[in-house]
PDB file of N, CA and C in Angstrom:
ATOM      1  N   MET A   1      -0.512  -5.438  -0.606  1.00  0.00           N
ATOM      2  CA  MET A   1      -1.308  -4.737  -1.576  1.00  0.00           C
ATOM      3  C   MET A   1      -2.448  -5.628  -2.030  1.00  0.00           C
ATOM      4  N   VAL A   2      -3.627  -5.101  -2.018  1.00  0.00           N
ATOM      5  CA  VAL A   2      -4.775  -5.862  -2.483  1.00  0.00           C
ATOM      6  C   VAL A   2      -4.890  -5.666  -3.983  1.00  0.00           C
ATOM      7  N   THR A   3      -4.726  -6.724  -4.752  1.00  0.00           N
ATOM      8  CA  THR A   3      -4.775  -6.579  -6.205  1.00  0.00           C
ATOM      9  C   THR A   3      -5.892  -7.385  -6.849  1.00  0.00           C
ATOM     10  N   ASN A   4      -6.339  -8.451  -6.224  1.00  0.00           N
ATOM     11  CA  ASN A   4      -7.344  -9.300  -6.854  1.00  0.00           C
ATOM     12  C   ASN A   4      -8.716  -8.648  -6.939  1.00  0.00           C
ATOM     13  N   LYS A   5      -9.070  -7.862  -5.929  1.00  0.00           N
ATOM     14  CA  LYS A   5     -10.381  -7.203  -5.912  1.00  0.00           C
ATOM     15  C   LYS A   5     -10.218  -5.694  -5.967  1.00  0.00           C
ATOM     16  N   LEU A   6      -9.193  -5.237  -6.599  1.00  0.00           N
ATOM     17  CA  LEU A   6      -8.855  -3.822  -6.628  1.00  0.00           C
ATOM     18  C   LEU A   6      -9.913  -3.002  -7.352  1.00  0.00           C
ATOM     19  N   GLN A   7     -10.440  -2.000  -6.662  1.00  0.00           N
ATOM     20  CA  GLN A   7     -11.413  -1.088  -7.243  1.00  0.00           C
ATOM     21  C   GLN A   7     -10.793   0.262  -7.576  1.00  0.00           C
ATOM     22  N   GLN A   8      -9.564   0.470  -7.190  1.00  0.00           N
ATOM     23  CA  GLN A   8      -8.908   1.756  -7.388  1.00  0.00           C
ATOM     24  C   GLN A   8      -8.537   1.930  -8.853  1.00  0.00           C
ATOM     25  N   LYS A   9      -8.872   3.086  -9.366  1.00  0.00           N
ATOM     26  CA  LYS A   9      -8.580   3.378 -10.764  1.00  0.00           C
ATOM     27  C   LYS A   9      -7.572   4.509 -10.913  1.00  0.00           C
ATOM     28  N   LYS A  10      -7.448   5.346  -9.888  1.00  0.00           N
ATOM     29  CA  LYS A  10      -6.582   6.512  -9.956  1.00  0.00           C
ATOM     30  C   LYS A  10      -5.547   6.473  -8.844  1.00  0.00           C
ATOM     31  N   TRP A  11      -4.403   7.093  -9.092  1.00  0.00           N
ATOM     32  CA  TRP A  11      -3.320   7.143  -8.121  1.00  0.00           C
ATOM     33  C   TRP A  11      -3.791   7.769  -6.812  1.00  0.00           C
ATOM     34  N   GLU A  12      -4.680   8.755  -6.890  1.00  0.00           N
ATOM     35  CA  GLU A  12      -5.171   9.442  -5.700  1.00  0.00           C
ATOM     36  C   GLU A  12      -5.997   8.529  -4.794  1.00  0.00           C
ATOM     37  N   GLU A  13      -6.513   7.435  -5.329  1.00  0.00           N
ATOM     38  CA  GLU A  13      -7.356   6.513  -4.565  1.00  0.00           C
ATOM     39  C   GLU A  13      -6.542   5.483  -3.793  1.00  0.00           C
ATOM     40  N   ARG A  14      -5.230   5.489  -3.968  1.00  0.00           N
ATOM     41  CA  ARG A  14      -4.389   4.486  -3.320  1.00  0.00           C
ATOM     42  C   ARG A  14      -4.390   4.683  -1.806  1.00  0.00           C
ATOM     43  N   PRO A  15      -3.982   3.669  -1.044  1.00  0.00           N
ATOM     44  CA  PRO A  15      -3.853   3.813   0.405  1.00  0.00           C
ATOM     45  C   PRO A  15      -2.819   4.888   0.736  1.00  0.00           C
ATOM     46  N   GLN A  16      -3.091   5.681   1.736  1.00  0.00           N
ATOM     47  CA  GLN A  16      -2.199   6.762   2.143  1.00  0.00           C
ATOM     48  C   GLN A  16      -1.479   6.385   3.435  1.00  0.00           C
ATOM     49  N   GLN A  17      -0.276   6.887   3.619  1.00  0.00           N
ATOM     50  CA  GLN A  17       0.497   6.575   4.812  1.00  0.00           C
ATOM     51  C   GLN A  17      -0.124   7.162   6.071  1.00  0.00           C
ATOM     52  N   ASP A  18      -0.871   8.240   5.956  1.00  0.00           N
ATOM     53  CA  ASP A  18      -1.451   8.866   7.143  1.00  0.00           C
ATOM     54  C   ASP A  18      -2.826   8.300   7.509  1.00  0.00           C
ATOM     55  N   THR A  19      -3.288   7.270   6.810  1.00  0.00           N
ATOM     56  CA  THR A  19      -4.542   6.618   7.157  1.00  0.00           C
ATOM     57  C   THR A  19      -4.377   5.906   8.497  1.00  0.00           C
ATOM     58  N   TYR A  20      -5.374   6.002   9.354  1.00  0.00           N
ATOM     59  CA  TYR A  20      -5.248   5.460  10.706  1.00  0.00           C
ATOM     60  C   TYR A  20      -5.138   3.945  10.742  1.00  0.00           C
ATOM     61  N   THR A  21      -5.605   3.271   9.721  1.00  0.00           N
ATOM     62  CA  THR A  21      -5.430   1.833   9.627  1.00  0.00           C
ATOM     63  C   THR A  21      -5.287   1.458   8.153  1.00  0.00           C
ATOM     64  N   TYR A  22      -4.466   0.486   7.875  1.00  0.00           N
ATOM     65  CA  TYR A  22      -4.265   0.073   6.488  1.00  0.00           C
ATOM     66  C   TYR A  22      -5.315  -0.923   6.030  1.00  0.00           C
ATOM     67  N   ASN A  23      -6.213  -1.311   6.911  1.00  0.00           N
ATOM     68  CA  ASN A  23      -7.270  -2.238   6.556  1.00  0.00           C
ATOM     69  C   ASN A  23      -8.561  -1.512   6.205  1.00  0.00           C
ATOM     70  N   TYR A  24      -8.589  -0.198   6.346  1.00  0.00           N
ATOM     71  CA  TYR A  24      -9.781   0.600   6.065  1.00  0.00           C
ATOM     72  C   TYR A  24     -10.186   0.439   4.605  1.00  0.00           C
ATOM     73  N   ASN A  25     -11.417   0.023   4.372  1.00  0.00           N
ATOM     74  CA  ASN A  25     -11.943  -0.209   3.025  1.00  0.00           C
ATOM     75  C   ASN A  25     -11.120  -1.217   2.237  1.00  0.00           C
ATOM     76  N   VAL A  26     -10.361  -2.024   2.912  1.00  0.00           N
ATOM     77  CA  VAL A  26      -9.550  -3.073   2.310  1.00  0.00           C
ATOM     78  C   VAL A  26      -8.679  -2.528   1.180  1.00  0.00           C
ATOM     79  N   LYS A  27      -8.070  -1.373   1.408  1.00  0.00           N
ATOM     80  CA  LYS A  27      -7.182  -0.799   0.399  1.00  0.00           C
ATOM     81  C   LYS A  27      -5.779  -1.364   0.496  1.00  0.00           C
ATOM     82  N   GLY A  28      -5.423  -1.897   1.642  1.00  0.00           N
ATOM     83  CA  GLY A  28      -4.102  -2.473   1.794  1.00  0.00           C
ATOM     84  C   GLY A  28      -3.069  -1.478   2.282  1.00  0.00           C
ATOM     85  N   VAL A  29      -1.822  -1.873   2.188  1.00  0.00           N
ATOM     86  CA  VAL A  29      -0.689  -1.087   2.673  1.00  0.00           C
ATOM     87  C   VAL A  29      -0.232  -0.137   1.571  1.00  0.00           C
ATOM     88  N   PRO A  30       0.104   1.107   1.926  1.00  0.00           N
ATOM     89  CA  PRO A  30       0.588   2.050   0.916  1.00  0.00           C
ATOM     90  C   PRO A  30       1.879   1.566   0.259  1.00  0.00           C
ATOM     91  N   VAL A  31       2.027   1.854  -1.009  1.00  0.00           N
ATOM     92  CA  VAL A  31       3.222   1.470  -1.761  1.00  0.00           C
ATOM     93  C   VAL A  31       4.473   2.019  -1.085  1.00  0.00           C
ATOM     94  N   GLU A  32       4.394   3.261  -0.596  1.00  0.00           N
ATOM     95  CA  GLU A  32       5.556   3.887   0.052  1.00  0.00           C
ATOM     96  C   GLU A  32       6.021   3.090   1.263  1.00  0.00           C
ATOM     97  N   THR A  33       5.066   2.528   2.004  1.00  0.00           N
ATOM     98  CA  THR A  33       5.400   1.726   3.179  1.00  0.00           C
ATOM     99  C   THR A  33       6.070   0.421   2.772  1.00  0.00           C
ATOM    100  N   MET A  34       5.569  -0.205   1.711  1.00  0.00           N
ATOM    101  CA  MET A  34       6.177  -1.450   1.238  1.00  0.00           C
ATOM    102  C   MET A  34       7.599  -1.217   0.736  1.00  0.00           C
ATOM    103  N   VAL A  35       7.818  -0.110   0.031  1.00  0.00           N
ATOM    104  CA  VAL A  35       9.153   0.208  -0.475  1.00  0.00           C
ATOM    105  C   VAL A  35      10.098   0.488   0.684  1.00  0.00           C
ATOM    106  N   GLU A  36       9.635   1.244   1.671  1.00  0.00           N
ATOM    107  CA  GLU A  36      10.479   1.537   2.831  1.00  0.00           C
ATOM    108  C   GLU A  36      10.869   0.260   3.564  1.00  0.00           C
ATOM    109  N   LEU A  37       9.930  -0.649   3.752  1.00  0.00           N
ATOM    110  CA  LEU A  37      10.229  -1.913   4.410  1.00  0.00           C
ATOM    111  C   LEU A  37      11.243  -2.716   3.602  1.00  0.00           C
ATOM    112  N   GLY A  38      11.052  -2.781   2.297  1.00  0.00           N
ATOM    113  CA  GLY A  38      12.010  -3.491   1.443  1.00  0.00           C
ATOM    114  C   GLY A  38      13.401  -2.891   1.536  1.00  0.00           C
ATOM    115  N   ASN A  39      13.477  -1.565   1.562  1.00  0.00           N
ATOM    116  CA  ASN A  39      14.776  -0.907   1.682  1.00  0.00           C
ATOM    117  C   ASN A  39      15.437  -1.194   3.024  1.00  0.00           C
ATOM    118  N   ARG A  40      14.647  -1.198   4.083  1.00  0.00           N
ATOM    119  CA  ARG A  40      15.200  -1.492   5.417  1.00  0.00           C
ATOM    120  C   ARG A  40      15.717  -2.925   5.498  1.00  0.00           C
ATOM    121  N   LEU A  41      15.029  -3.814   4.811  1.00  0.00           N
ATOM    122  CA  LEU A  41      15.432  -5.228   4.820  1.00  0.00           C
ATOM    123  C   LEU A  41      16.502  -5.511   3.775  1.00  0.00           C
ATOM    124  N   THR A  42      16.811  -4.517   2.986  1.00  0.00           N
ATOM    125  CA  THR A  42      17.707  -4.645   1.816  1.00  0.00           C
ATOM    126  C   THR A  42      17.271  -5.819   0.943  1.00  0.00           C
ATOM    127  N   ALA A  43      15.977  -5.890   0.714  1.00  0.00           N
ATOM    128  CA  ALA A  43      15.409  -6.968  -0.093  1.00  0.00           C
ATOM    129  C   ALA A  43      15.518  -6.639  -1.580  1.00  0.00           C
ATOM    130  N   ASN A  44      15.709  -7.658  -2.372  1.00  0.00           N
ATOM    131  CA  ASN A  44      15.752  -7.509  -3.829  1.00  0.00           C
ATOM    132  C   ASN A  44      14.638  -8.317  -4.438  1.00  0.00           C
ATOM    133  N   SER A  45      14.131  -7.858  -5.567  1.00  0.00           N
ATOM    134  CA  SER A  45      13.076  -8.629  -6.236  1.00  0.00           C
ATOM    135  C   SER A  45      13.655  -9.471  -7.330  1.00  0.00           C
TER     136      SER A  45
END
């Protein structure tokens, strides 16, 4: 997730899972993808 230079102000502006690349406009990886990966790895914060 790109947070240091974040220009997104609304939830609708977040990266989407159906975007062809997660690097488009430097929005980063969608939150849903990060959560799914964490669940698959059974990672805890």
